[in-house]
Amino acid sequence: MSITVGEVGREFRLSTGGFNMSTSTGLSLIFTKPDNTKLTKTEASSNPVTAPAVALVNDPDLGDQAESTYFEFTSIASDFDQPGIWKVCGIYTDATRTYHTEAPAKEFTVLEACS
């Protein structure tokens, strides 16, 4: 997966590997930027993280994903603000547990934008 600095409207998805998040009470994506600062996205963000209850989505990077088994949000200009290698992990919470996506964090590239 590659994203461009400042890209708007990009659907970012992270798979849980089949873990069903349909009973979530909290969803977060924690990004580590190339300079090691963090960006946290939640369902309370201006562009919220969700676990869509869509029957099946075919993501070009993740392949087929069943409903409620992936995190998703749509990017705004300020989200991906640095070129380089980024890392992301997801956190799911419900009434009885907290689930973290598998370690190590998934890496992806943010490319320099054309000027």
PDB file of N, CA and C in Angstrom:
ATOM      1  N   MET A   1       0.850  -1.169   0.000  1.00  0.00           N
ATOM      2  CA  MET A   1       0.000   0.000   0.000  1.00  0.00           C
ATOM      3  C   MET A   1       0.896   1.232   0.000  1.00  0.00           C
ATOM      4  N   SER A   2       0.558   2.194  -0.834  1.00  0.00           N
ATOM      5  CA  SER A   2       1.255   3.474  -0.778  1.00  0.00           C
ATOM      6  C   SER A   2       0.229   4.596  -0.855  1.00  0.00           C
ATOM      7  N   ILE A   3       0.513   5.628  -0.112  1.00  0.00           N
ATOM      8  CA  ILE A   3      -0.329   6.814  -0.003  1.00  0.00           C
ATOM      9  C   ILE A   3       0.578   8.003  -0.265  1.00  0.00           C
ATOM     10  N   THR A   4       0.023   9.094  -0.741  1.00  0.00           N
ATOM     11  CA  THR A   4       0.801  10.299  -1.003  1.00  0.00           C
ATOM     12  C   THR A   4       0.580  11.312   0.116  1.00  0.00           C
ATOM     13  N   VAL A   5       1.627  12.049   0.462  1.00  0.00           N
ATOM     14  CA  VAL A   5       1.509  13.102   1.468  1.00  0.00           C
ATOM     15  C   VAL A   5       0.325  13.998   1.122  1.00  0.00           C
ATOM     16  N   GLY A   6      -0.535  14.242   2.100  1.00  0.00           N
ATOM     17  CA  GLY A   6      -1.675  15.129   1.924  1.00  0.00           C
ATOM     18  C   GLY A   6      -2.837  14.528   1.167  1.00  0.00           C
ATOM     19  N   GLU A   7      -2.779  13.248   0.856  1.00  0.00           N
ATOM     20  CA  GLU A   7      -3.851  12.623   0.077  1.00  0.00           C
ATOM     21  C   GLU A   7      -5.180  12.692   0.823  1.00  0.00           C
ATOM     22  N   VAL A   8      -6.216  13.114   0.118  1.00  0.00           N
ATOM     23  CA  VAL A   8      -7.551  13.285   0.692  1.00  0.00           C
ATOM     24  C   VAL A   8      -8.493  12.257   0.075  1.00  0.00           C
ATOM     25  N   GLY A   9      -9.339  11.665   0.907  1.00  0.00           N
ATOM     26  CA  GLY A   9     -10.368  10.763   0.415  1.00  0.00           C
ATOM     27  C   GLY A   9      -9.914   9.336   0.207  1.00  0.00           C
ATOM     28  N   ARG A  10      -8.723   8.997   0.656  1.00  0.00           N
ATOM     29  CA  ARG A  10      -8.208   7.625   0.512  1.00  0.00           C
ATOM     30  C   ARG A  10      -8.775   6.753   1.621  1.00  0.00           C
ATOM     31  N   GLU A  11      -9.373   5.625   1.271  1.00  0.00           N
ATOM     32  CA  GLU A  11      -9.856   4.683   2.281  1.00  0.00           C
ATOM     33  C   GLU A  11      -8.667   3.877   2.789  1.00  0.00           C
ATOM     34  N   PHE A  12      -8.356   4.066   4.057  1.00  0.00           N
ATOM     35  CA  PHE A  12      -7.281   3.315   4.682  1.00  0.00           C
ATOM     36  C   PHE A  12      -7.906   2.159   5.444  1.00  0.00           C
ATOM     37  N   ARG A  13      -7.397   0.949   5.203  1.00  0.00           N
ATOM     38  CA  ARG A  13      -7.937  -0.233   5.883  1.00  0.00           C
ATOM     39  C   ARG A  13      -6.811  -1.032   6.516  1.00  0.00           C
ATOM     40  N   LEU A  14      -7.121  -1.628   7.673  1.00  0.00           N
ATOM     41  CA  LEU A  14      -6.204  -2.528   8.370  1.00  0.00           C
ATOM     42  C   LEU A  14      -6.987  -3.761   8.773  1.00  0.00           C
ATOM     43  N   SER A  15      -6.532  -4.922   8.330  1.00  0.00           N
ATOM     44  CA  SER A  15      -7.217  -6.182   8.609  1.00  0.00           C
ATOM     45  C   SER A  15      -6.933  -6.673  10.022  1.00  0.00           C
ATOM     46  N   THR A  16      -7.913  -7.351  10.598  1.00  0.00           N
ATOM     47  CA  THR A  16      -7.717  -8.009  11.894  1.00  0.00           C
ATOM     48  C   THR A  16      -7.366  -9.476  11.710  1.00  0.00           C
ATOM     49  N   GLY A  17      -7.299  -9.939  10.475  1.00  0.00           N
ATOM     50  CA  GLY A  17      -7.034 -11.345  10.230  1.00  0.00           C
ATOM     51  C   GLY A  17      -8.214 -12.236  10.566  1.00  0.00           C
ATOM     52  N   GLY A  18      -9.407 -11.658  10.562  1.00  0.00           N
ATOM     53  CA  GLY A  18     -10.615 -12.433  10.805  1.00  0.00           C
ATOM     54  C   GLY A  18     -11.285 -12.176  12.136  1.00  0.00           C
ATOM     55  N   PHE A  19     -10.660 -11.392  13.013  1.00  0.00           N
ATOM     56  CA  PHE A  19     -11.265 -11.085  14.309  1.00  0.00           C
ATOM     57  C   PHE A  19     -12.486 -10.189  14.095  1.00  0.00           C
ATOM     58  N   ASN A  20     -13.630 -10.578  14.611  1.00  0.00           N
ATOM     59  CA  ASN A  20     -14.880  -9.848  14.418  1.00  0.00           C
ATOM     60  C   ASN A  20     -15.011  -8.718  15.445  1.00  0.00           C
ATOM     61  N   MET A  21     -15.195  -7.495  14.951  1.00  0.00           N
ATOM     62  CA  MET A  21     -15.276  -6.317  15.821  1.00  0.00           C
ATOM     63  C   MET A  21     -16.685  -5.736  15.884  1.00  0.00           C
ATOM     64  N   SER A  22     -17.699  -6.527  15.597  1.00  0.00           N
ATOM     65  CA  SER A  22     -19.068  -6.015  15.519  1.00  0.00           C
ATOM     66  C   SER A  22     -19.611  -5.537  16.866  1.00  0.00           C
ATOM     67  N   THR A  23     -19.030  -5.944  17.974  1.00  0.00           N
ATOM     68  CA  THR A  23     -19.521  -5.503  19.289  1.00  0.00           C
ATOM     69  C   THR A  23     -18.592  -4.468  19.929  1.00  0.00           C
ATOM     70  N   SER A  24     -17.856  -3.746  19.113  1.00  0.00           N
ATOM     71  CA  SER A  24     -16.878  -2.796  19.647  1.00  0.00           C
ATOM     72  C   SER A  24     -17.527  -1.661  20.426  1.00  0.00           C
ATOM     73  N   THR A  25     -16.815  -1.236  21.454  1.00  0.00           N
ATOM     74  CA  THR A  25     -17.167  -0.017  22.174  1.00  0.00           C
ATOM     75  C   THR A  25     -16.074   1.030  21.990  1.00  0.00           C
ATOM     76  N   GLY A  26     -14.994   0.650  21.316  1.00  0.00           N
ATOM     77  CA  GLY A  26     -13.905   1.573  21.035  1.00  0.00           C
ATOM     78  C   GLY A  26     -12.989   1.026  19.961  1.00  0.00           C
ATOM     79  N   LEU A  27     -12.645   1.856  18.976  1.00  0.00           N
ATOM     80  CA  LEU A  27     -11.726   1.494  17.904  1.00  0.00           C
ATOM     81  C   LEU A  27     -10.672   2.575  17.776  1.00  0.00           C
ATOM     82  N   SER A  28      -9.418   2.174  17.630  1.00  0.00           N
ATOM     83  CA  SER A  28      -8.322   3.133  17.444  1.00  0.00           C
ATOM     84  C   SER A  28      -7.318   2.580  16.451  1.00  0.00           C
ATOM     85  N   LEU A  29      -6.746   3.460  15.669  1.00  0.00           N
ATOM     86  CA  LEU A  29      -5.580   3.150  14.850  1.00  0.00           C
ATOM     87  C   LEU A  29      -4.451   4.047  15.338  1.00  0.00           C
ATOM     88  N   ILE A  30      -3.321   3.438  15.665  1.00  0.00           N
ATOM     89  CA  ILE A  30      -2.154   4.175  16.145  1.00  0.00           C
ATOM     90  C   ILE A  30      -1.088   4.106  15.054  1.00  0.00           C
ATOM     91  N   PHE A  31      -0.756   5.258  14.497  1.00  0.00           N
ATOM     92  CA  PHE A  31       0.251   5.357  13.452  1.00  0.00           C
ATOM     93  C   PHE A  31       1.554   5.878  14.047  1.00  0.00           C
ATOM     94  N   THR A  32       2.665   5.310  13.615  1.00  0.00           N
ATOM     95  CA  THR A  32       3.984   5.840  13.949  1.00  0.00           C
ATOM     96  C   THR A  32       4.554   6.406  12.660  1.00  0.00           C
ATOM     97  N   LYS A  33       4.836   7.708  12.691  1.00  0.00           N
ATOM     98  CA  LYS A  33       5.356   8.407  11.515  1.00  0.00           C
ATOM     99  C   LYS A  33       6.857   8.146  11.374  1.00  0.00           C
ATOM    100  N   PRO A  34       7.445   8.495  10.225  1.00  0.00           N
ATOM    101  CA  PRO A  34       8.881   8.297  10.035  1.00  0.00           C
ATOM    102  C   PRO A  34       9.748   9.007  11.086  1.00  0.00           C
ATOM    103  N   ASP A  35       9.273  10.115  11.653  1.00  0.00           N
ATOM    104  CA  ASP A  35      10.052  10.815  12.686  1.00  0.00           C
ATOM    105  C   ASP A  35       9.743  10.284  14.090  1.00  0.00           C
ATOM    106  N   ASN A  36       9.012   9.165  14.184  1.00  0.00           N
ATOM    107  CA  ASN A  36       8.630   8.488  15.433  1.00  0.00           C
ATOM    108  C   ASN A  36       7.574   9.201  16.262  1.00  0.00           C
ATOM    109  N   THR A  37       6.951  10.262  15.717  1.00  0.00           N
ATOM    110  CA  THR A  37       5.800  10.839  16.408  1.00  0.00           C
ATOM    111  C   THR A  37       4.584   9.974  16.087  1.00  0.00           C
ATOM    112  N   LYS A  38       3.524  10.123  16.869  1.00  0.00           N
ATOM    113  CA  LYS A  38       2.329   9.286  16.724  1.00  0.00           C
ATOM    114  C   LYS A  38       1.151  10.092  16.199  1.00  0.00           C
ATOM    115  N   LEU A  39       0.295   9.403  15.464  1.00  0.00           N
ATOM    116  CA  LEU A  39      -1.002   9.914  15.041  1.00  0.00           C
ATOM    117  C   LEU A  39      -2.014   8.868  15.473  1.00  0.00           C
ATOM    118  N   THR A  40      -3.004   9.269  16.268  1.00  0.00           N
ATOM    119  CA  THR A  40      -4.037   8.345  16.726  1.00  0.00           C
ATOM    120  C   THR A  40      -5.367   8.748  16.127  1.00  0.00           C
ATOM    121  N   LYS A  41      -6.016   7.791  15.495  1.00  0.00           N
ATOM    122  CA  LYS A  41      -7.347   7.995  14.930  1.00  0.00           C
ATOM    123  C   LYS A  41      -8.316   7.115  15.723  1.00  0.00           C
ATOM    124  N   THR A  42      -9.492   7.650  16.050  1.00  0.00           N
ATOM    125  CA  THR A  42     -10.509   6.912  16.797  1.00  0.00           C
ATOM    126  C   THR A  42     -11.858   7.116  16.127  1.00  0.00           C
ATOM    127  N   GLU A  43     -12.897   6.490  16.695  1.00  0.00           N
ATOM    128  CA  GLU A  43     -14.231   6.729  16.144  1.00  0.00           C
ATOM    129  C   GLU A  43     -14.741   8.121  16.490  1.00  0.00           C
ATOM    130  N   ALA A  44     -14.037   8.836  17.363  1.00  0.00           N
ATOM    131  CA  ALA A  44     -14.401  10.216  17.693  1.00  0.00           C
ATOM    132  C   ALA A  44     -13.626  11.233  16.854  1.00  0.00           C
ATOM    133  N   SER A  45     -12.744  10.775  15.976  1.00  0.00           N
ATOM    134  CA  SER A  45     -11.972  11.680  15.124  1.00  0.00           C
ATOM    135  C   SER A  45     -12.890  12.353  14.113  1.00  0.00           C
ATOM    136  N   SER A  46     -12.400  13.458  13.519  1.00  0.00           N
ATOM    137  CA  SER A  46     -13.202  14.137  12.502  1.00  0.00           C
ATOM    138  C   SER A  46     -13.431  13.238  11.287  1.00  0.00           C
ATOM    139  N   ASN A  47     -12.540  12.331  11.028  1.00  0.00           N
ATOM    140  CA  ASN A  47     -12.728  11.278  10.018  1.00  0.00           C
ATOM    141  C   ASN A  47     -12.600   9.953  10.777  1.00  0.00           C
ATOM    142  N   PRO A  48     -13.721   9.454  11.295  1.00  0.00           N
ATOM    143  CA  PRO A  48     -13.715   8.371  12.276  1.00  0.00           C
ATOM    144  C   PRO A  48     -13.265   7.010  11.758  1.00  0.00           C
ATOM    145  N   VAL A  49     -12.674   6.242  12.682  1.00  0.00           N
ATOM    146  CA  VAL A  49     -12.337   4.847  12.423  1.00  0.00           C
ATOM    147  C   VAL A  49     -13.600   4.021  12.645  1.00  0.00           C
ATOM    148  N   THR A  50     -13.872   3.109  11.724  1.00  0.00           N
ATOM    149  CA  THR A  50     -15.035   2.234  11.834  1.00  0.00           C
ATOM    150  C   THR A  50     -14.602   0.788  11.579  1.00  0.00           C
ATOM    151  N   ALA A  51     -15.516  -0.128  11.840  1.00  0.00           N
ATOM    152  CA  ALA A  51     -15.378  -1.544  11.466  1.00  0.00           C
ATOM    153  C   ALA A  51     -16.608  -1.860  10.627  1.00  0.00           C
ATOM    154  N   PRO A  52     -16.588  -1.522   9.342  1.00  0.00           N
ATOM    155  CA  PRO A  52     -17.785  -1.595   8.514  1.00  0.00           C
ATOM    156  C   PRO A  52     -18.466  -2.968   8.521  1.00  0.00           C
ATOM    157  N   ALA A  53     -19.784  -2.927   8.584  1.00  0.00           N
ATOM    158  CA  ALA A  53     -20.599  -4.145   8.548  1.00  0.00           C
ATOM    159  C   ALA A  53     -21.053  -4.423   7.122  1.00  0.00           C
ATOM    160  N   VAL A  54     -20.128  -4.279   6.180  1.00  0.00           N
ATOM    161  CA  VAL A  54     -20.382  -4.555   4.770  1.00  0.00           C
ATOM    162  C   VAL A  54     -20.143  -6.046   4.553  1.00  0.00           C
ATOM    163  N   ALA A  55     -21.041  -6.715   3.845  1.00  0.00           N
ATOM    164  CA  ALA A  55     -20.975  -8.173   3.690  1.00  0.00           C
ATOM    165  C   ALA A  55     -19.597  -8.667   3.264  1.00  0.00           C
ATOM    166  N   LEU A  56     -18.968  -8.014   2.298  1.00  0.00           N
ATOM    167  CA  LEU A  56     -17.641  -8.408   1.839  1.00  0.00           C
ATOM    168  C   LEU A  56     -17.057  -7.247   1.053  1.00  0.00           C
ATOM    169  N   VAL A  57     -15.826  -6.877   1.369  1.00  0.00           N
ATOM    170  CA  VAL A  57     -15.149  -5.845   0.594  1.00  0.00           C
ATOM    171  C   VAL A  57     -13.879  -6.466   0.032  1.00  0.00           C
ATOM    172  N   ASN A  58     -13.561  -6.122  -1.214  1.00  0.00           N
ATOM    173  CA  ASN A  58     -12.321  -6.578  -1.815  1.00  0.00           C
ATOM    174  C   ASN A  58     -11.374  -5.402  -1.866  1.00  0.00           C
ATOM    175  N   ASP A  59     -10.384  -5.424  -0.993  1.00  0.00           N
ATOM    176  CA  ASP A  59      -9.395  -4.356  -0.907  1.00  0.00           C
ATOM    177  C   ASP A  59      -8.191  -4.740  -1.779  1.00  0.00           C
ATOM    178  N   PRO A  60      -7.670  -3.812  -2.595  1.00  0.00           N
ATOM    179  CA  PRO A  60      -6.554  -4.158  -3.481  1.00  0.00           C
ATOM    180  C   PRO A  60      -5.299  -4.603  -2.724  1.00  0.00           C
ATOM    181  N   ASP A  61      -5.123  -4.154  -1.483  1.00  0.00           N
ATOM    182  CA  ASP A  61      -3.952  -4.525  -0.700  1.00  0.00           C
ATOM    183  C   ASP A  61      -4.214  -5.686   0.256  1.00  0.00           C
ATOM    184  N   LEU A  62      -5.435  -5.792   0.768  1.00  0.00           N
ATOM    185  CA  LEU A  62      -5.755  -6.802   1.782  1.00  0.00           C
ATOM    186  C   LEU A  62      -6.484  -8.019   1.234  1.00  0.00           C
ATOM    187  N   GLY A  63      -7.056  -7.893   0.035  1.00  0.00           N
ATOM    188  CA  GLY A  63      -7.875  -8.971  -0.507  1.00  0.00           C
ATOM    189  C   GLY A  63      -9.277  -8.900   0.077  1.00  0.00           C
ATOM    190  N   ASP A  64     -10.007 -10.022   0.009  1.00  0.00           N
ATOM    191  CA  ASP A  64     -11.376 -10.067   0.525  1.00  0.00           C
ATOM    192  C   ASP A  64     -11.388  -9.941   2.039  1.00  0.00           C
ATOM    193  N   GLN A  65     -12.234  -9.052   2.548  1.00  0.00           N
ATOM    194  CA  GLN A  65     -12.391  -8.838   3.984  1.00  0.00           C
ATOM    195  C   GLN A  65     -13.866  -8.989   4.338  1.00  0.00           C
ATOM    196  N   ALA A  66     -14.156  -9.853   5.297  1.00  0.00           N
ATOM    197  CA  ALA A  66     -15.530 -10.056   5.749  1.00  0.00           C
ATOM    198  C   ALA A  66     -15.974  -8.873   6.608  1.00  0.00           C
ATOM    199  N   GLU A  67     -17.276  -8.747   6.787  1.00  0.00           N
ATOM    200  CA  GLU A  67     -17.813  -7.630   7.568  1.00  0.00           C
ATOM    201  C   GLU A  67     -17.232  -7.603   8.977  1.00  0.00           C
ATOM    202  N   SER A  68     -16.972  -6.401   9.452  1.00  0.00           N
ATOM    203  CA  SER A  68     -16.507  -6.128  10.815  1.00  0.00           C
ATOM    204  C   SER A  68     -15.161  -6.753  11.149  1.00  0.00           C
ATOM    205  N   THR A  69     -14.347  -7.097  10.129  1.00  0.00           N
ATOM    206  CA  THR A  69     -13.031  -7.690  10.397  1.00  0.00           C
ATOM    207  C   THR A  69     -11.875  -6.794   9.943  1.00  0.00           C
ATOM    208  N   TYR A  70     -12.182  -5.519   9.715  1.00  0.00           N
ATOM    209  CA  TYR A  70     -11.128  -4.577   9.341  1.00  0.00           C
ATOM    210  C   TYR A  70     -11.473  -3.192   9.874  1.00  0.00           C
ATOM    211  N   PHE A  71     -10.428  -2.451  10.194  1.00  0.00           N
ATOM    212  CA  PHE A  71     -10.559  -1.043  10.578  1.00  0.00           C
ATOM    213  C   PHE A  71     -10.575  -0.237   9.280  1.00  0.00           C
ATOM    214  N   GLU A  72     -11.296   0.893   9.267  1.00  0.00           N
ATOM    215  CA  GLU A  72     -11.344   1.734   8.070  1.00  0.00           C
ATOM    216  C   GLU A  72     -11.561   3.187   8.459  1.00  0.00           C
ATOM    217  N   PHE A  73     -10.896   4.088   7.746  1.00  0.00           N
ATOM    218  CA  PHE A  73     -11.221   5.511   7.810  1.00  0.00           C
ATOM    219  C   PHE A  73     -10.833   6.131   6.483  1.00  0.00           C
ATOM    220  N   THR A  74     -11.370   7.317   6.207  1.00  0.00           N
ATOM    221  CA  THR A  74     -11.082   8.034   4.975  1.00  0.00           C
ATOM    222  C   THR A  74     -10.171   9.211   5.298  1.00  0.00           C
ATOM    223  N   SER A  75      -9.048   9.296   4.605  1.00  0.00           N
ATOM    224  CA  SER A  75      -8.017  10.288   4.944  1.00  0.00           C
ATOM    225  C   SER A  75      -8.445  11.725   4.654  1.00  0.00           C
ATOM    226  N   ILE A  76      -7.918  12.618   5.486  1.00  0.00           N
ATOM    227  CA  ILE A  76      -8.004  14.060   5.258  1.00  0.00           C
ATOM    228  C   ILE A  76      -6.580  14.572   5.053  1.00  0.00           C
ATOM    229  N   ALA A  77      -6.425  15.803   4.588  1.00  0.00           N
ATOM    230  CA  ALA A  77      -5.120  16.335   4.187  1.00  0.00           C
ATOM    231  C   ALA A  77      -4.065  16.284   5.286  1.00  0.00           C
ATOM    232  N   SER A  78      -4.460  16.454   6.532  1.00  0.00           N
ATOM    233  CA  SER A  78      -3.485  16.504   7.617  1.00  0.00           C
ATOM    234  C   SER A  78      -3.061  15.139   8.144  1.00  0.00           C
ATOM    235  N   ASP A  79      -3.705  14.051   7.701  1.00  0.00           N
ATOM    236  CA  ASP A  79      -3.371  12.731   8.245  1.00  0.00           C
ATOM    237  C   ASP A  79      -1.958  12.285   7.885  1.00  0.00           C
ATOM    238  N   PHE A  80      -1.677  12.165   6.616  1.00  0.00           N
ATOM    239  CA  PHE A  80      -0.391  11.642   6.169  1.00  0.00           C
ATOM    240  C   PHE A  80       0.487  12.811   5.724  1.00  0.00           C
ATOM    241  N   ASP A  81       1.240  13.345   6.673  1.00  0.00           N
ATOM    242  CA  ASP A  81       1.943  14.607   6.475  1.00  0.00           C
ATOM    243  C   ASP A  81       3.456  14.462   6.309  1.00  0.00           C
ATOM    244  N   GLN A  82       3.974  13.238   6.286  1.00  0.00           N
ATOM    245  CA  GLN A  82       5.410  13.014   6.139  1.00  0.00           C
ATOM    246  C   GLN A  82       5.660  11.869   5.160  1.00  0.00           C
ATOM    247  N   PRO A  83       6.594  12.052   4.220  1.00  0.00           N
ATOM    248  CA  PRO A  83       6.940  10.924   3.353  1.00  0.00           C
ATOM    249  C   PRO A  83       7.808   9.928   4.123  1.00  0.00           C
ATOM    250  N   GLY A  84       7.751   8.672   3.710  1.00  0.00           N
ATOM    251  CA  GLY A  84       8.606   7.656   4.313  1.00  0.00           C
ATOM    252  C   GLY A  84       7.817   6.440   4.752  1.00  0.00           C
ATOM    253  N   ILE A  85       8.470   5.603   5.555  1.00  0.00           N
ATOM    254  CA  ILE A  85       7.871   4.367   6.041  1.00  0.00           C
ATOM    255  C   ILE A  85       7.101   4.651   7.326  1.00  0.00           C
ATOM    256  N   TRP A  86       5.817   4.331   7.323  1.00  0.00           N
ATOM    257  CA  TRP A  86       4.930   4.481   8.472  1.00  0.00           C
ATOM    258  C   TRP A  86       4.598   3.097   9.014  1.00  0.00           C
ATOM    259  N   LYS A  87       4.162   3.047  10.266  1.00  0.00           N
ATOM    260  CA  LYS A  87       3.685   1.813  10.884  1.00  0.00           C
ATOM    261  C   LYS A  87       2.303   2.071  11.468  1.00  0.00           C
ATOM    262  N   VAL A  88       1.476   1.023  11.532  1.00  0.00           N
ATOM    263  CA  VAL A  88       0.126   1.157  12.089  1.00  0.00           C
ATOM    264  C   VAL A  88      -0.250  -0.112  12.838  1.00  0.00           C
ATOM    265  N   CYS A  89      -0.950   0.076  13.949  1.00  0.00           N
ATOM    266  CA  CYS A  89      -1.569  -1.044  14.652  1.00  0.00           C
ATOM    267  C   CYS A  89      -2.971  -0.609  15.079  1.00  0.00           C
ATOM    268  N   GLY A  90      -3.836  -1.591  15.258  1.00  0.00           N
ATOM    269  CA  GLY A  90      -5.220  -1.316  15.618  1.00  0.00           C
ATOM    270  C   GLY A  90      -5.540  -1.821  17.009  1.00  0.00           C
ATOM    271  N   ILE A  91      -6.437  -1.111  17.692  1.00  0.00           N
ATOM    272  CA  ILE A  91      -6.891  -1.507  19.022  1.00  0.00           C
ATOM    273  C   ILE A  91      -8.413  -1.517  19.024  1.00  0.00           C
ATOM    274  N   TYR A  92      -8.963  -2.633  19.459  1.00  0.00           N
ATOM    275  CA  TYR A  92     -10.406  -2.844  19.568  1.00  0.00           C
ATOM    276  C   TYR A  92     -10.733  -3.071  21.036  1.00  0.00           C
ATOM    277  N   THR A  93     -11.811  -2.439  21.497  1.00  0.00           N
ATOM    278  CA  THR A  93     -12.265  -2.632  22.876  1.00  0.00           C
ATOM    279  C   THR A  93     -13.752  -2.965  22.852  1.00  0.00           C
ATOM    280  N   ASP A  94     -14.159  -3.887  23.741  1.00  0.00           N
ATOM    281  CA  ASP A  94     -15.580  -4.123  23.969  1.00  0.00           C
ATOM    282  C   ASP A  94     -15.794  -4.219  25.481  1.00  0.00           C
ATOM    283  N   ALA A  95     -16.939  -4.659  25.901  1.00  0.00           N
ATOM    284  CA  ALA A  95     -17.275  -4.680  27.326  1.00  0.00           C
ATOM    285  C   ALA A  95     -16.384  -5.607  28.147  1.00  0.00           C
ATOM    286  N   THR A  96     -15.735  -6.577  27.510  1.00  0.00           N
ATOM    287  CA  THR A  96     -14.969  -7.562  28.278  1.00  0.00           C
ATOM    288  C   THR A  96     -13.492  -7.655  27.940  1.00  0.00           C
ATOM    289  N   ARG A  97     -13.033  -7.048  26.839  1.00  0.00           N
ATOM    290  CA  ARG A  97     -11.631  -7.227  26.465  1.00  0.00           C
ATOM    291  C   ARG A  97     -11.111  -6.124  25.571  1.00  0.00           C
ATOM    292  N   THR A  98      -9.792  -6.134  25.414  1.00  0.00           N
ATOM    293  CA  THR A  98      -9.111  -5.271  24.464  1.00  0.00           C
ATOM    294  C   THR A  98      -8.281  -6.163  23.555  1.00  0.00           C
ATOM    295  N   TYR A  99      -8.374  -5.925  22.256  1.00  0.00           N
ATOM    296  CA  TYR A  99      -7.668  -6.703  21.247  1.00  0.00           C
ATOM    297  C   TYR A  99      -6.716  -5.781  20.495  1.00  0.00           C
ATOM    298  N   HIS A 100      -5.482  -6.224  20.290  1.00  0.00           N
ATOM    299  CA  HIS A 100      -4.497  -5.492  19.500  1.00  0.00           C
ATOM    300  C   HIS A 100      -4.191  -6.306  18.248  1.00  0.00           C
ATOM    301  N   THR A 101      -4.064  -5.642  17.110  1.00  0.00           N
ATOM    302  CA  THR A 101      -3.682  -6.367  15.906  1.00  0.00           C
ATOM    303  C   THR A 101      -2.302  -6.976  16.122  1.00  0.00           C
ATOM    304  N   GLU A 102      -2.003  -7.977  15.327  1.00  0.00           N
ATOM    305  CA  GLU A 102      -0.770  -8.729  15.520  1.00  0.00           C
ATOM    306  C   GLU A 102       0.472  -7.858  15.390  1.00  0.00           C
ATOM    307  N   ALA A 103       1.472  -8.166  16.212  1.00  0.00           N
ATOM    308  CA  ALA A 103       2.776  -7.521  16.118  1.00  0.00           C
ATOM    309  C   ALA A 103       3.599  -8.294  15.084  1.00  0.00           C
ATOM    310  N   PRO A 104       4.524  -7.694  14.401  1.00  0.00           N
ATOM    311  CA  PRO A 104       4.842  -6.277  14.495  1.00  0.00           C
ATOM    312  C   PRO A 104       3.806  -5.432  13.766  1.00  0.00           C
ATOM    313  N   ALA A 105       3.856  -4.145  13.994  1.00  0.00           N
ATOM    314  CA  ALA A 105       2.939  -3.225  13.332  1.00  0.00           C
ATOM    315  C   ALA A 105       3.116  -3.328  11.822  1.00  0.00           C
ATOM    316  N   LYS A 106       2.015  -3.153  11.093  1.00  0.00           N
ATOM    317  CA  LYS A 106       2.057  -3.193   9.626  1.00  0.00           C
ATOM    318  C   LYS A 106       2.750  -1.933   9.112  1.00  0.00           C
ATOM    319  N   GLU A 107       3.638  -2.116   8.157  1.00  0.00           N
ATOM    320  CA  GLU A 107       4.337  -0.986   7.555  1.00  0.00           C
ATOM    321  C   GLU A 107       3.725  -0.652   6.198  1.00  0.00           C
ATOM    322  N   PHE A 108       3.759   0.636   5.872  1.00  0.00           N
ATOM    323  CA  PHE A 108       3.326   1.086   4.548  1.00  0.00           C
ATOM    324  C   PHE A 108       4.074   2.359   4.202  1.00  0.00           C
ATOM    325  N   THR A 109       4.063   2.728   2.934  1.00  0.00           N
ATOM    326  CA  THR A 109       4.838   3.865   2.451  1.00  0.00           C
ATOM    327  C   THR A 109       3.941   5.059   2.168  1.00  0.00           C
ATOM    328  N   VAL A 110       4.380   6.218   2.615  1.00  0.00           N
ATOM    329  CA  VAL A 110       3.754   7.484   2.228  1.00  0.00           C
ATOM    330  C   VAL A 110       4.758   8.173   1.297  1.00  0.00           C
ATOM    331  N   LEU A 111       4.293   8.450   0.085  1.00  0.00           N
ATOM    332  CA  LEU A 111       5.166   9.026  -0.955  1.00  0.00           C
ATOM    333  C   LEU A 111       5.120  10.541  -0.926  1.00  0.00           C
ATOM    334  N   GLU A 112       6.195  11.152  -1.361  1.00  0.00           N
ATOM    335  CA  GLU A 112       6.268  12.593  -1.508  1.00  0.00           C
ATOM    336  C   GLU A 112       5.252  13.027  -2.563  1.00  0.00           C
ATOM    337  N   ALA A 113       4.534  14.103  -2.309  1.00  0.00           N
ATOM    338  CA  ALA A 113       3.553  14.609  -3.275  1.00  0.00           C
ATOM    339  C   ALA A 113       4.250  15.398  -4.387  1.00  0.00           C
ATOM    340  N   CYS A 114       3.632  15.422  -5.554  1.00  0.00           N
ATOM    341  CA  CYS A 114       4.149  16.248  -6.654  1.00  0.00           C
ATOM    342  C   CYS A 114       3.893  17.711  -6.308  1.00  0.00           C
ATOM    343  N   SER A 115       4.742  18.568  -6.764  1.00  0.00           N
ATOM    344  CA  SER A 115       4.514  19.998  -6.511  1.00  0.00           C
ATOM    345  C   SER A 115       4.529  20.789  -7.790  1.00  0.00           C
TER     346      SER A 115
END
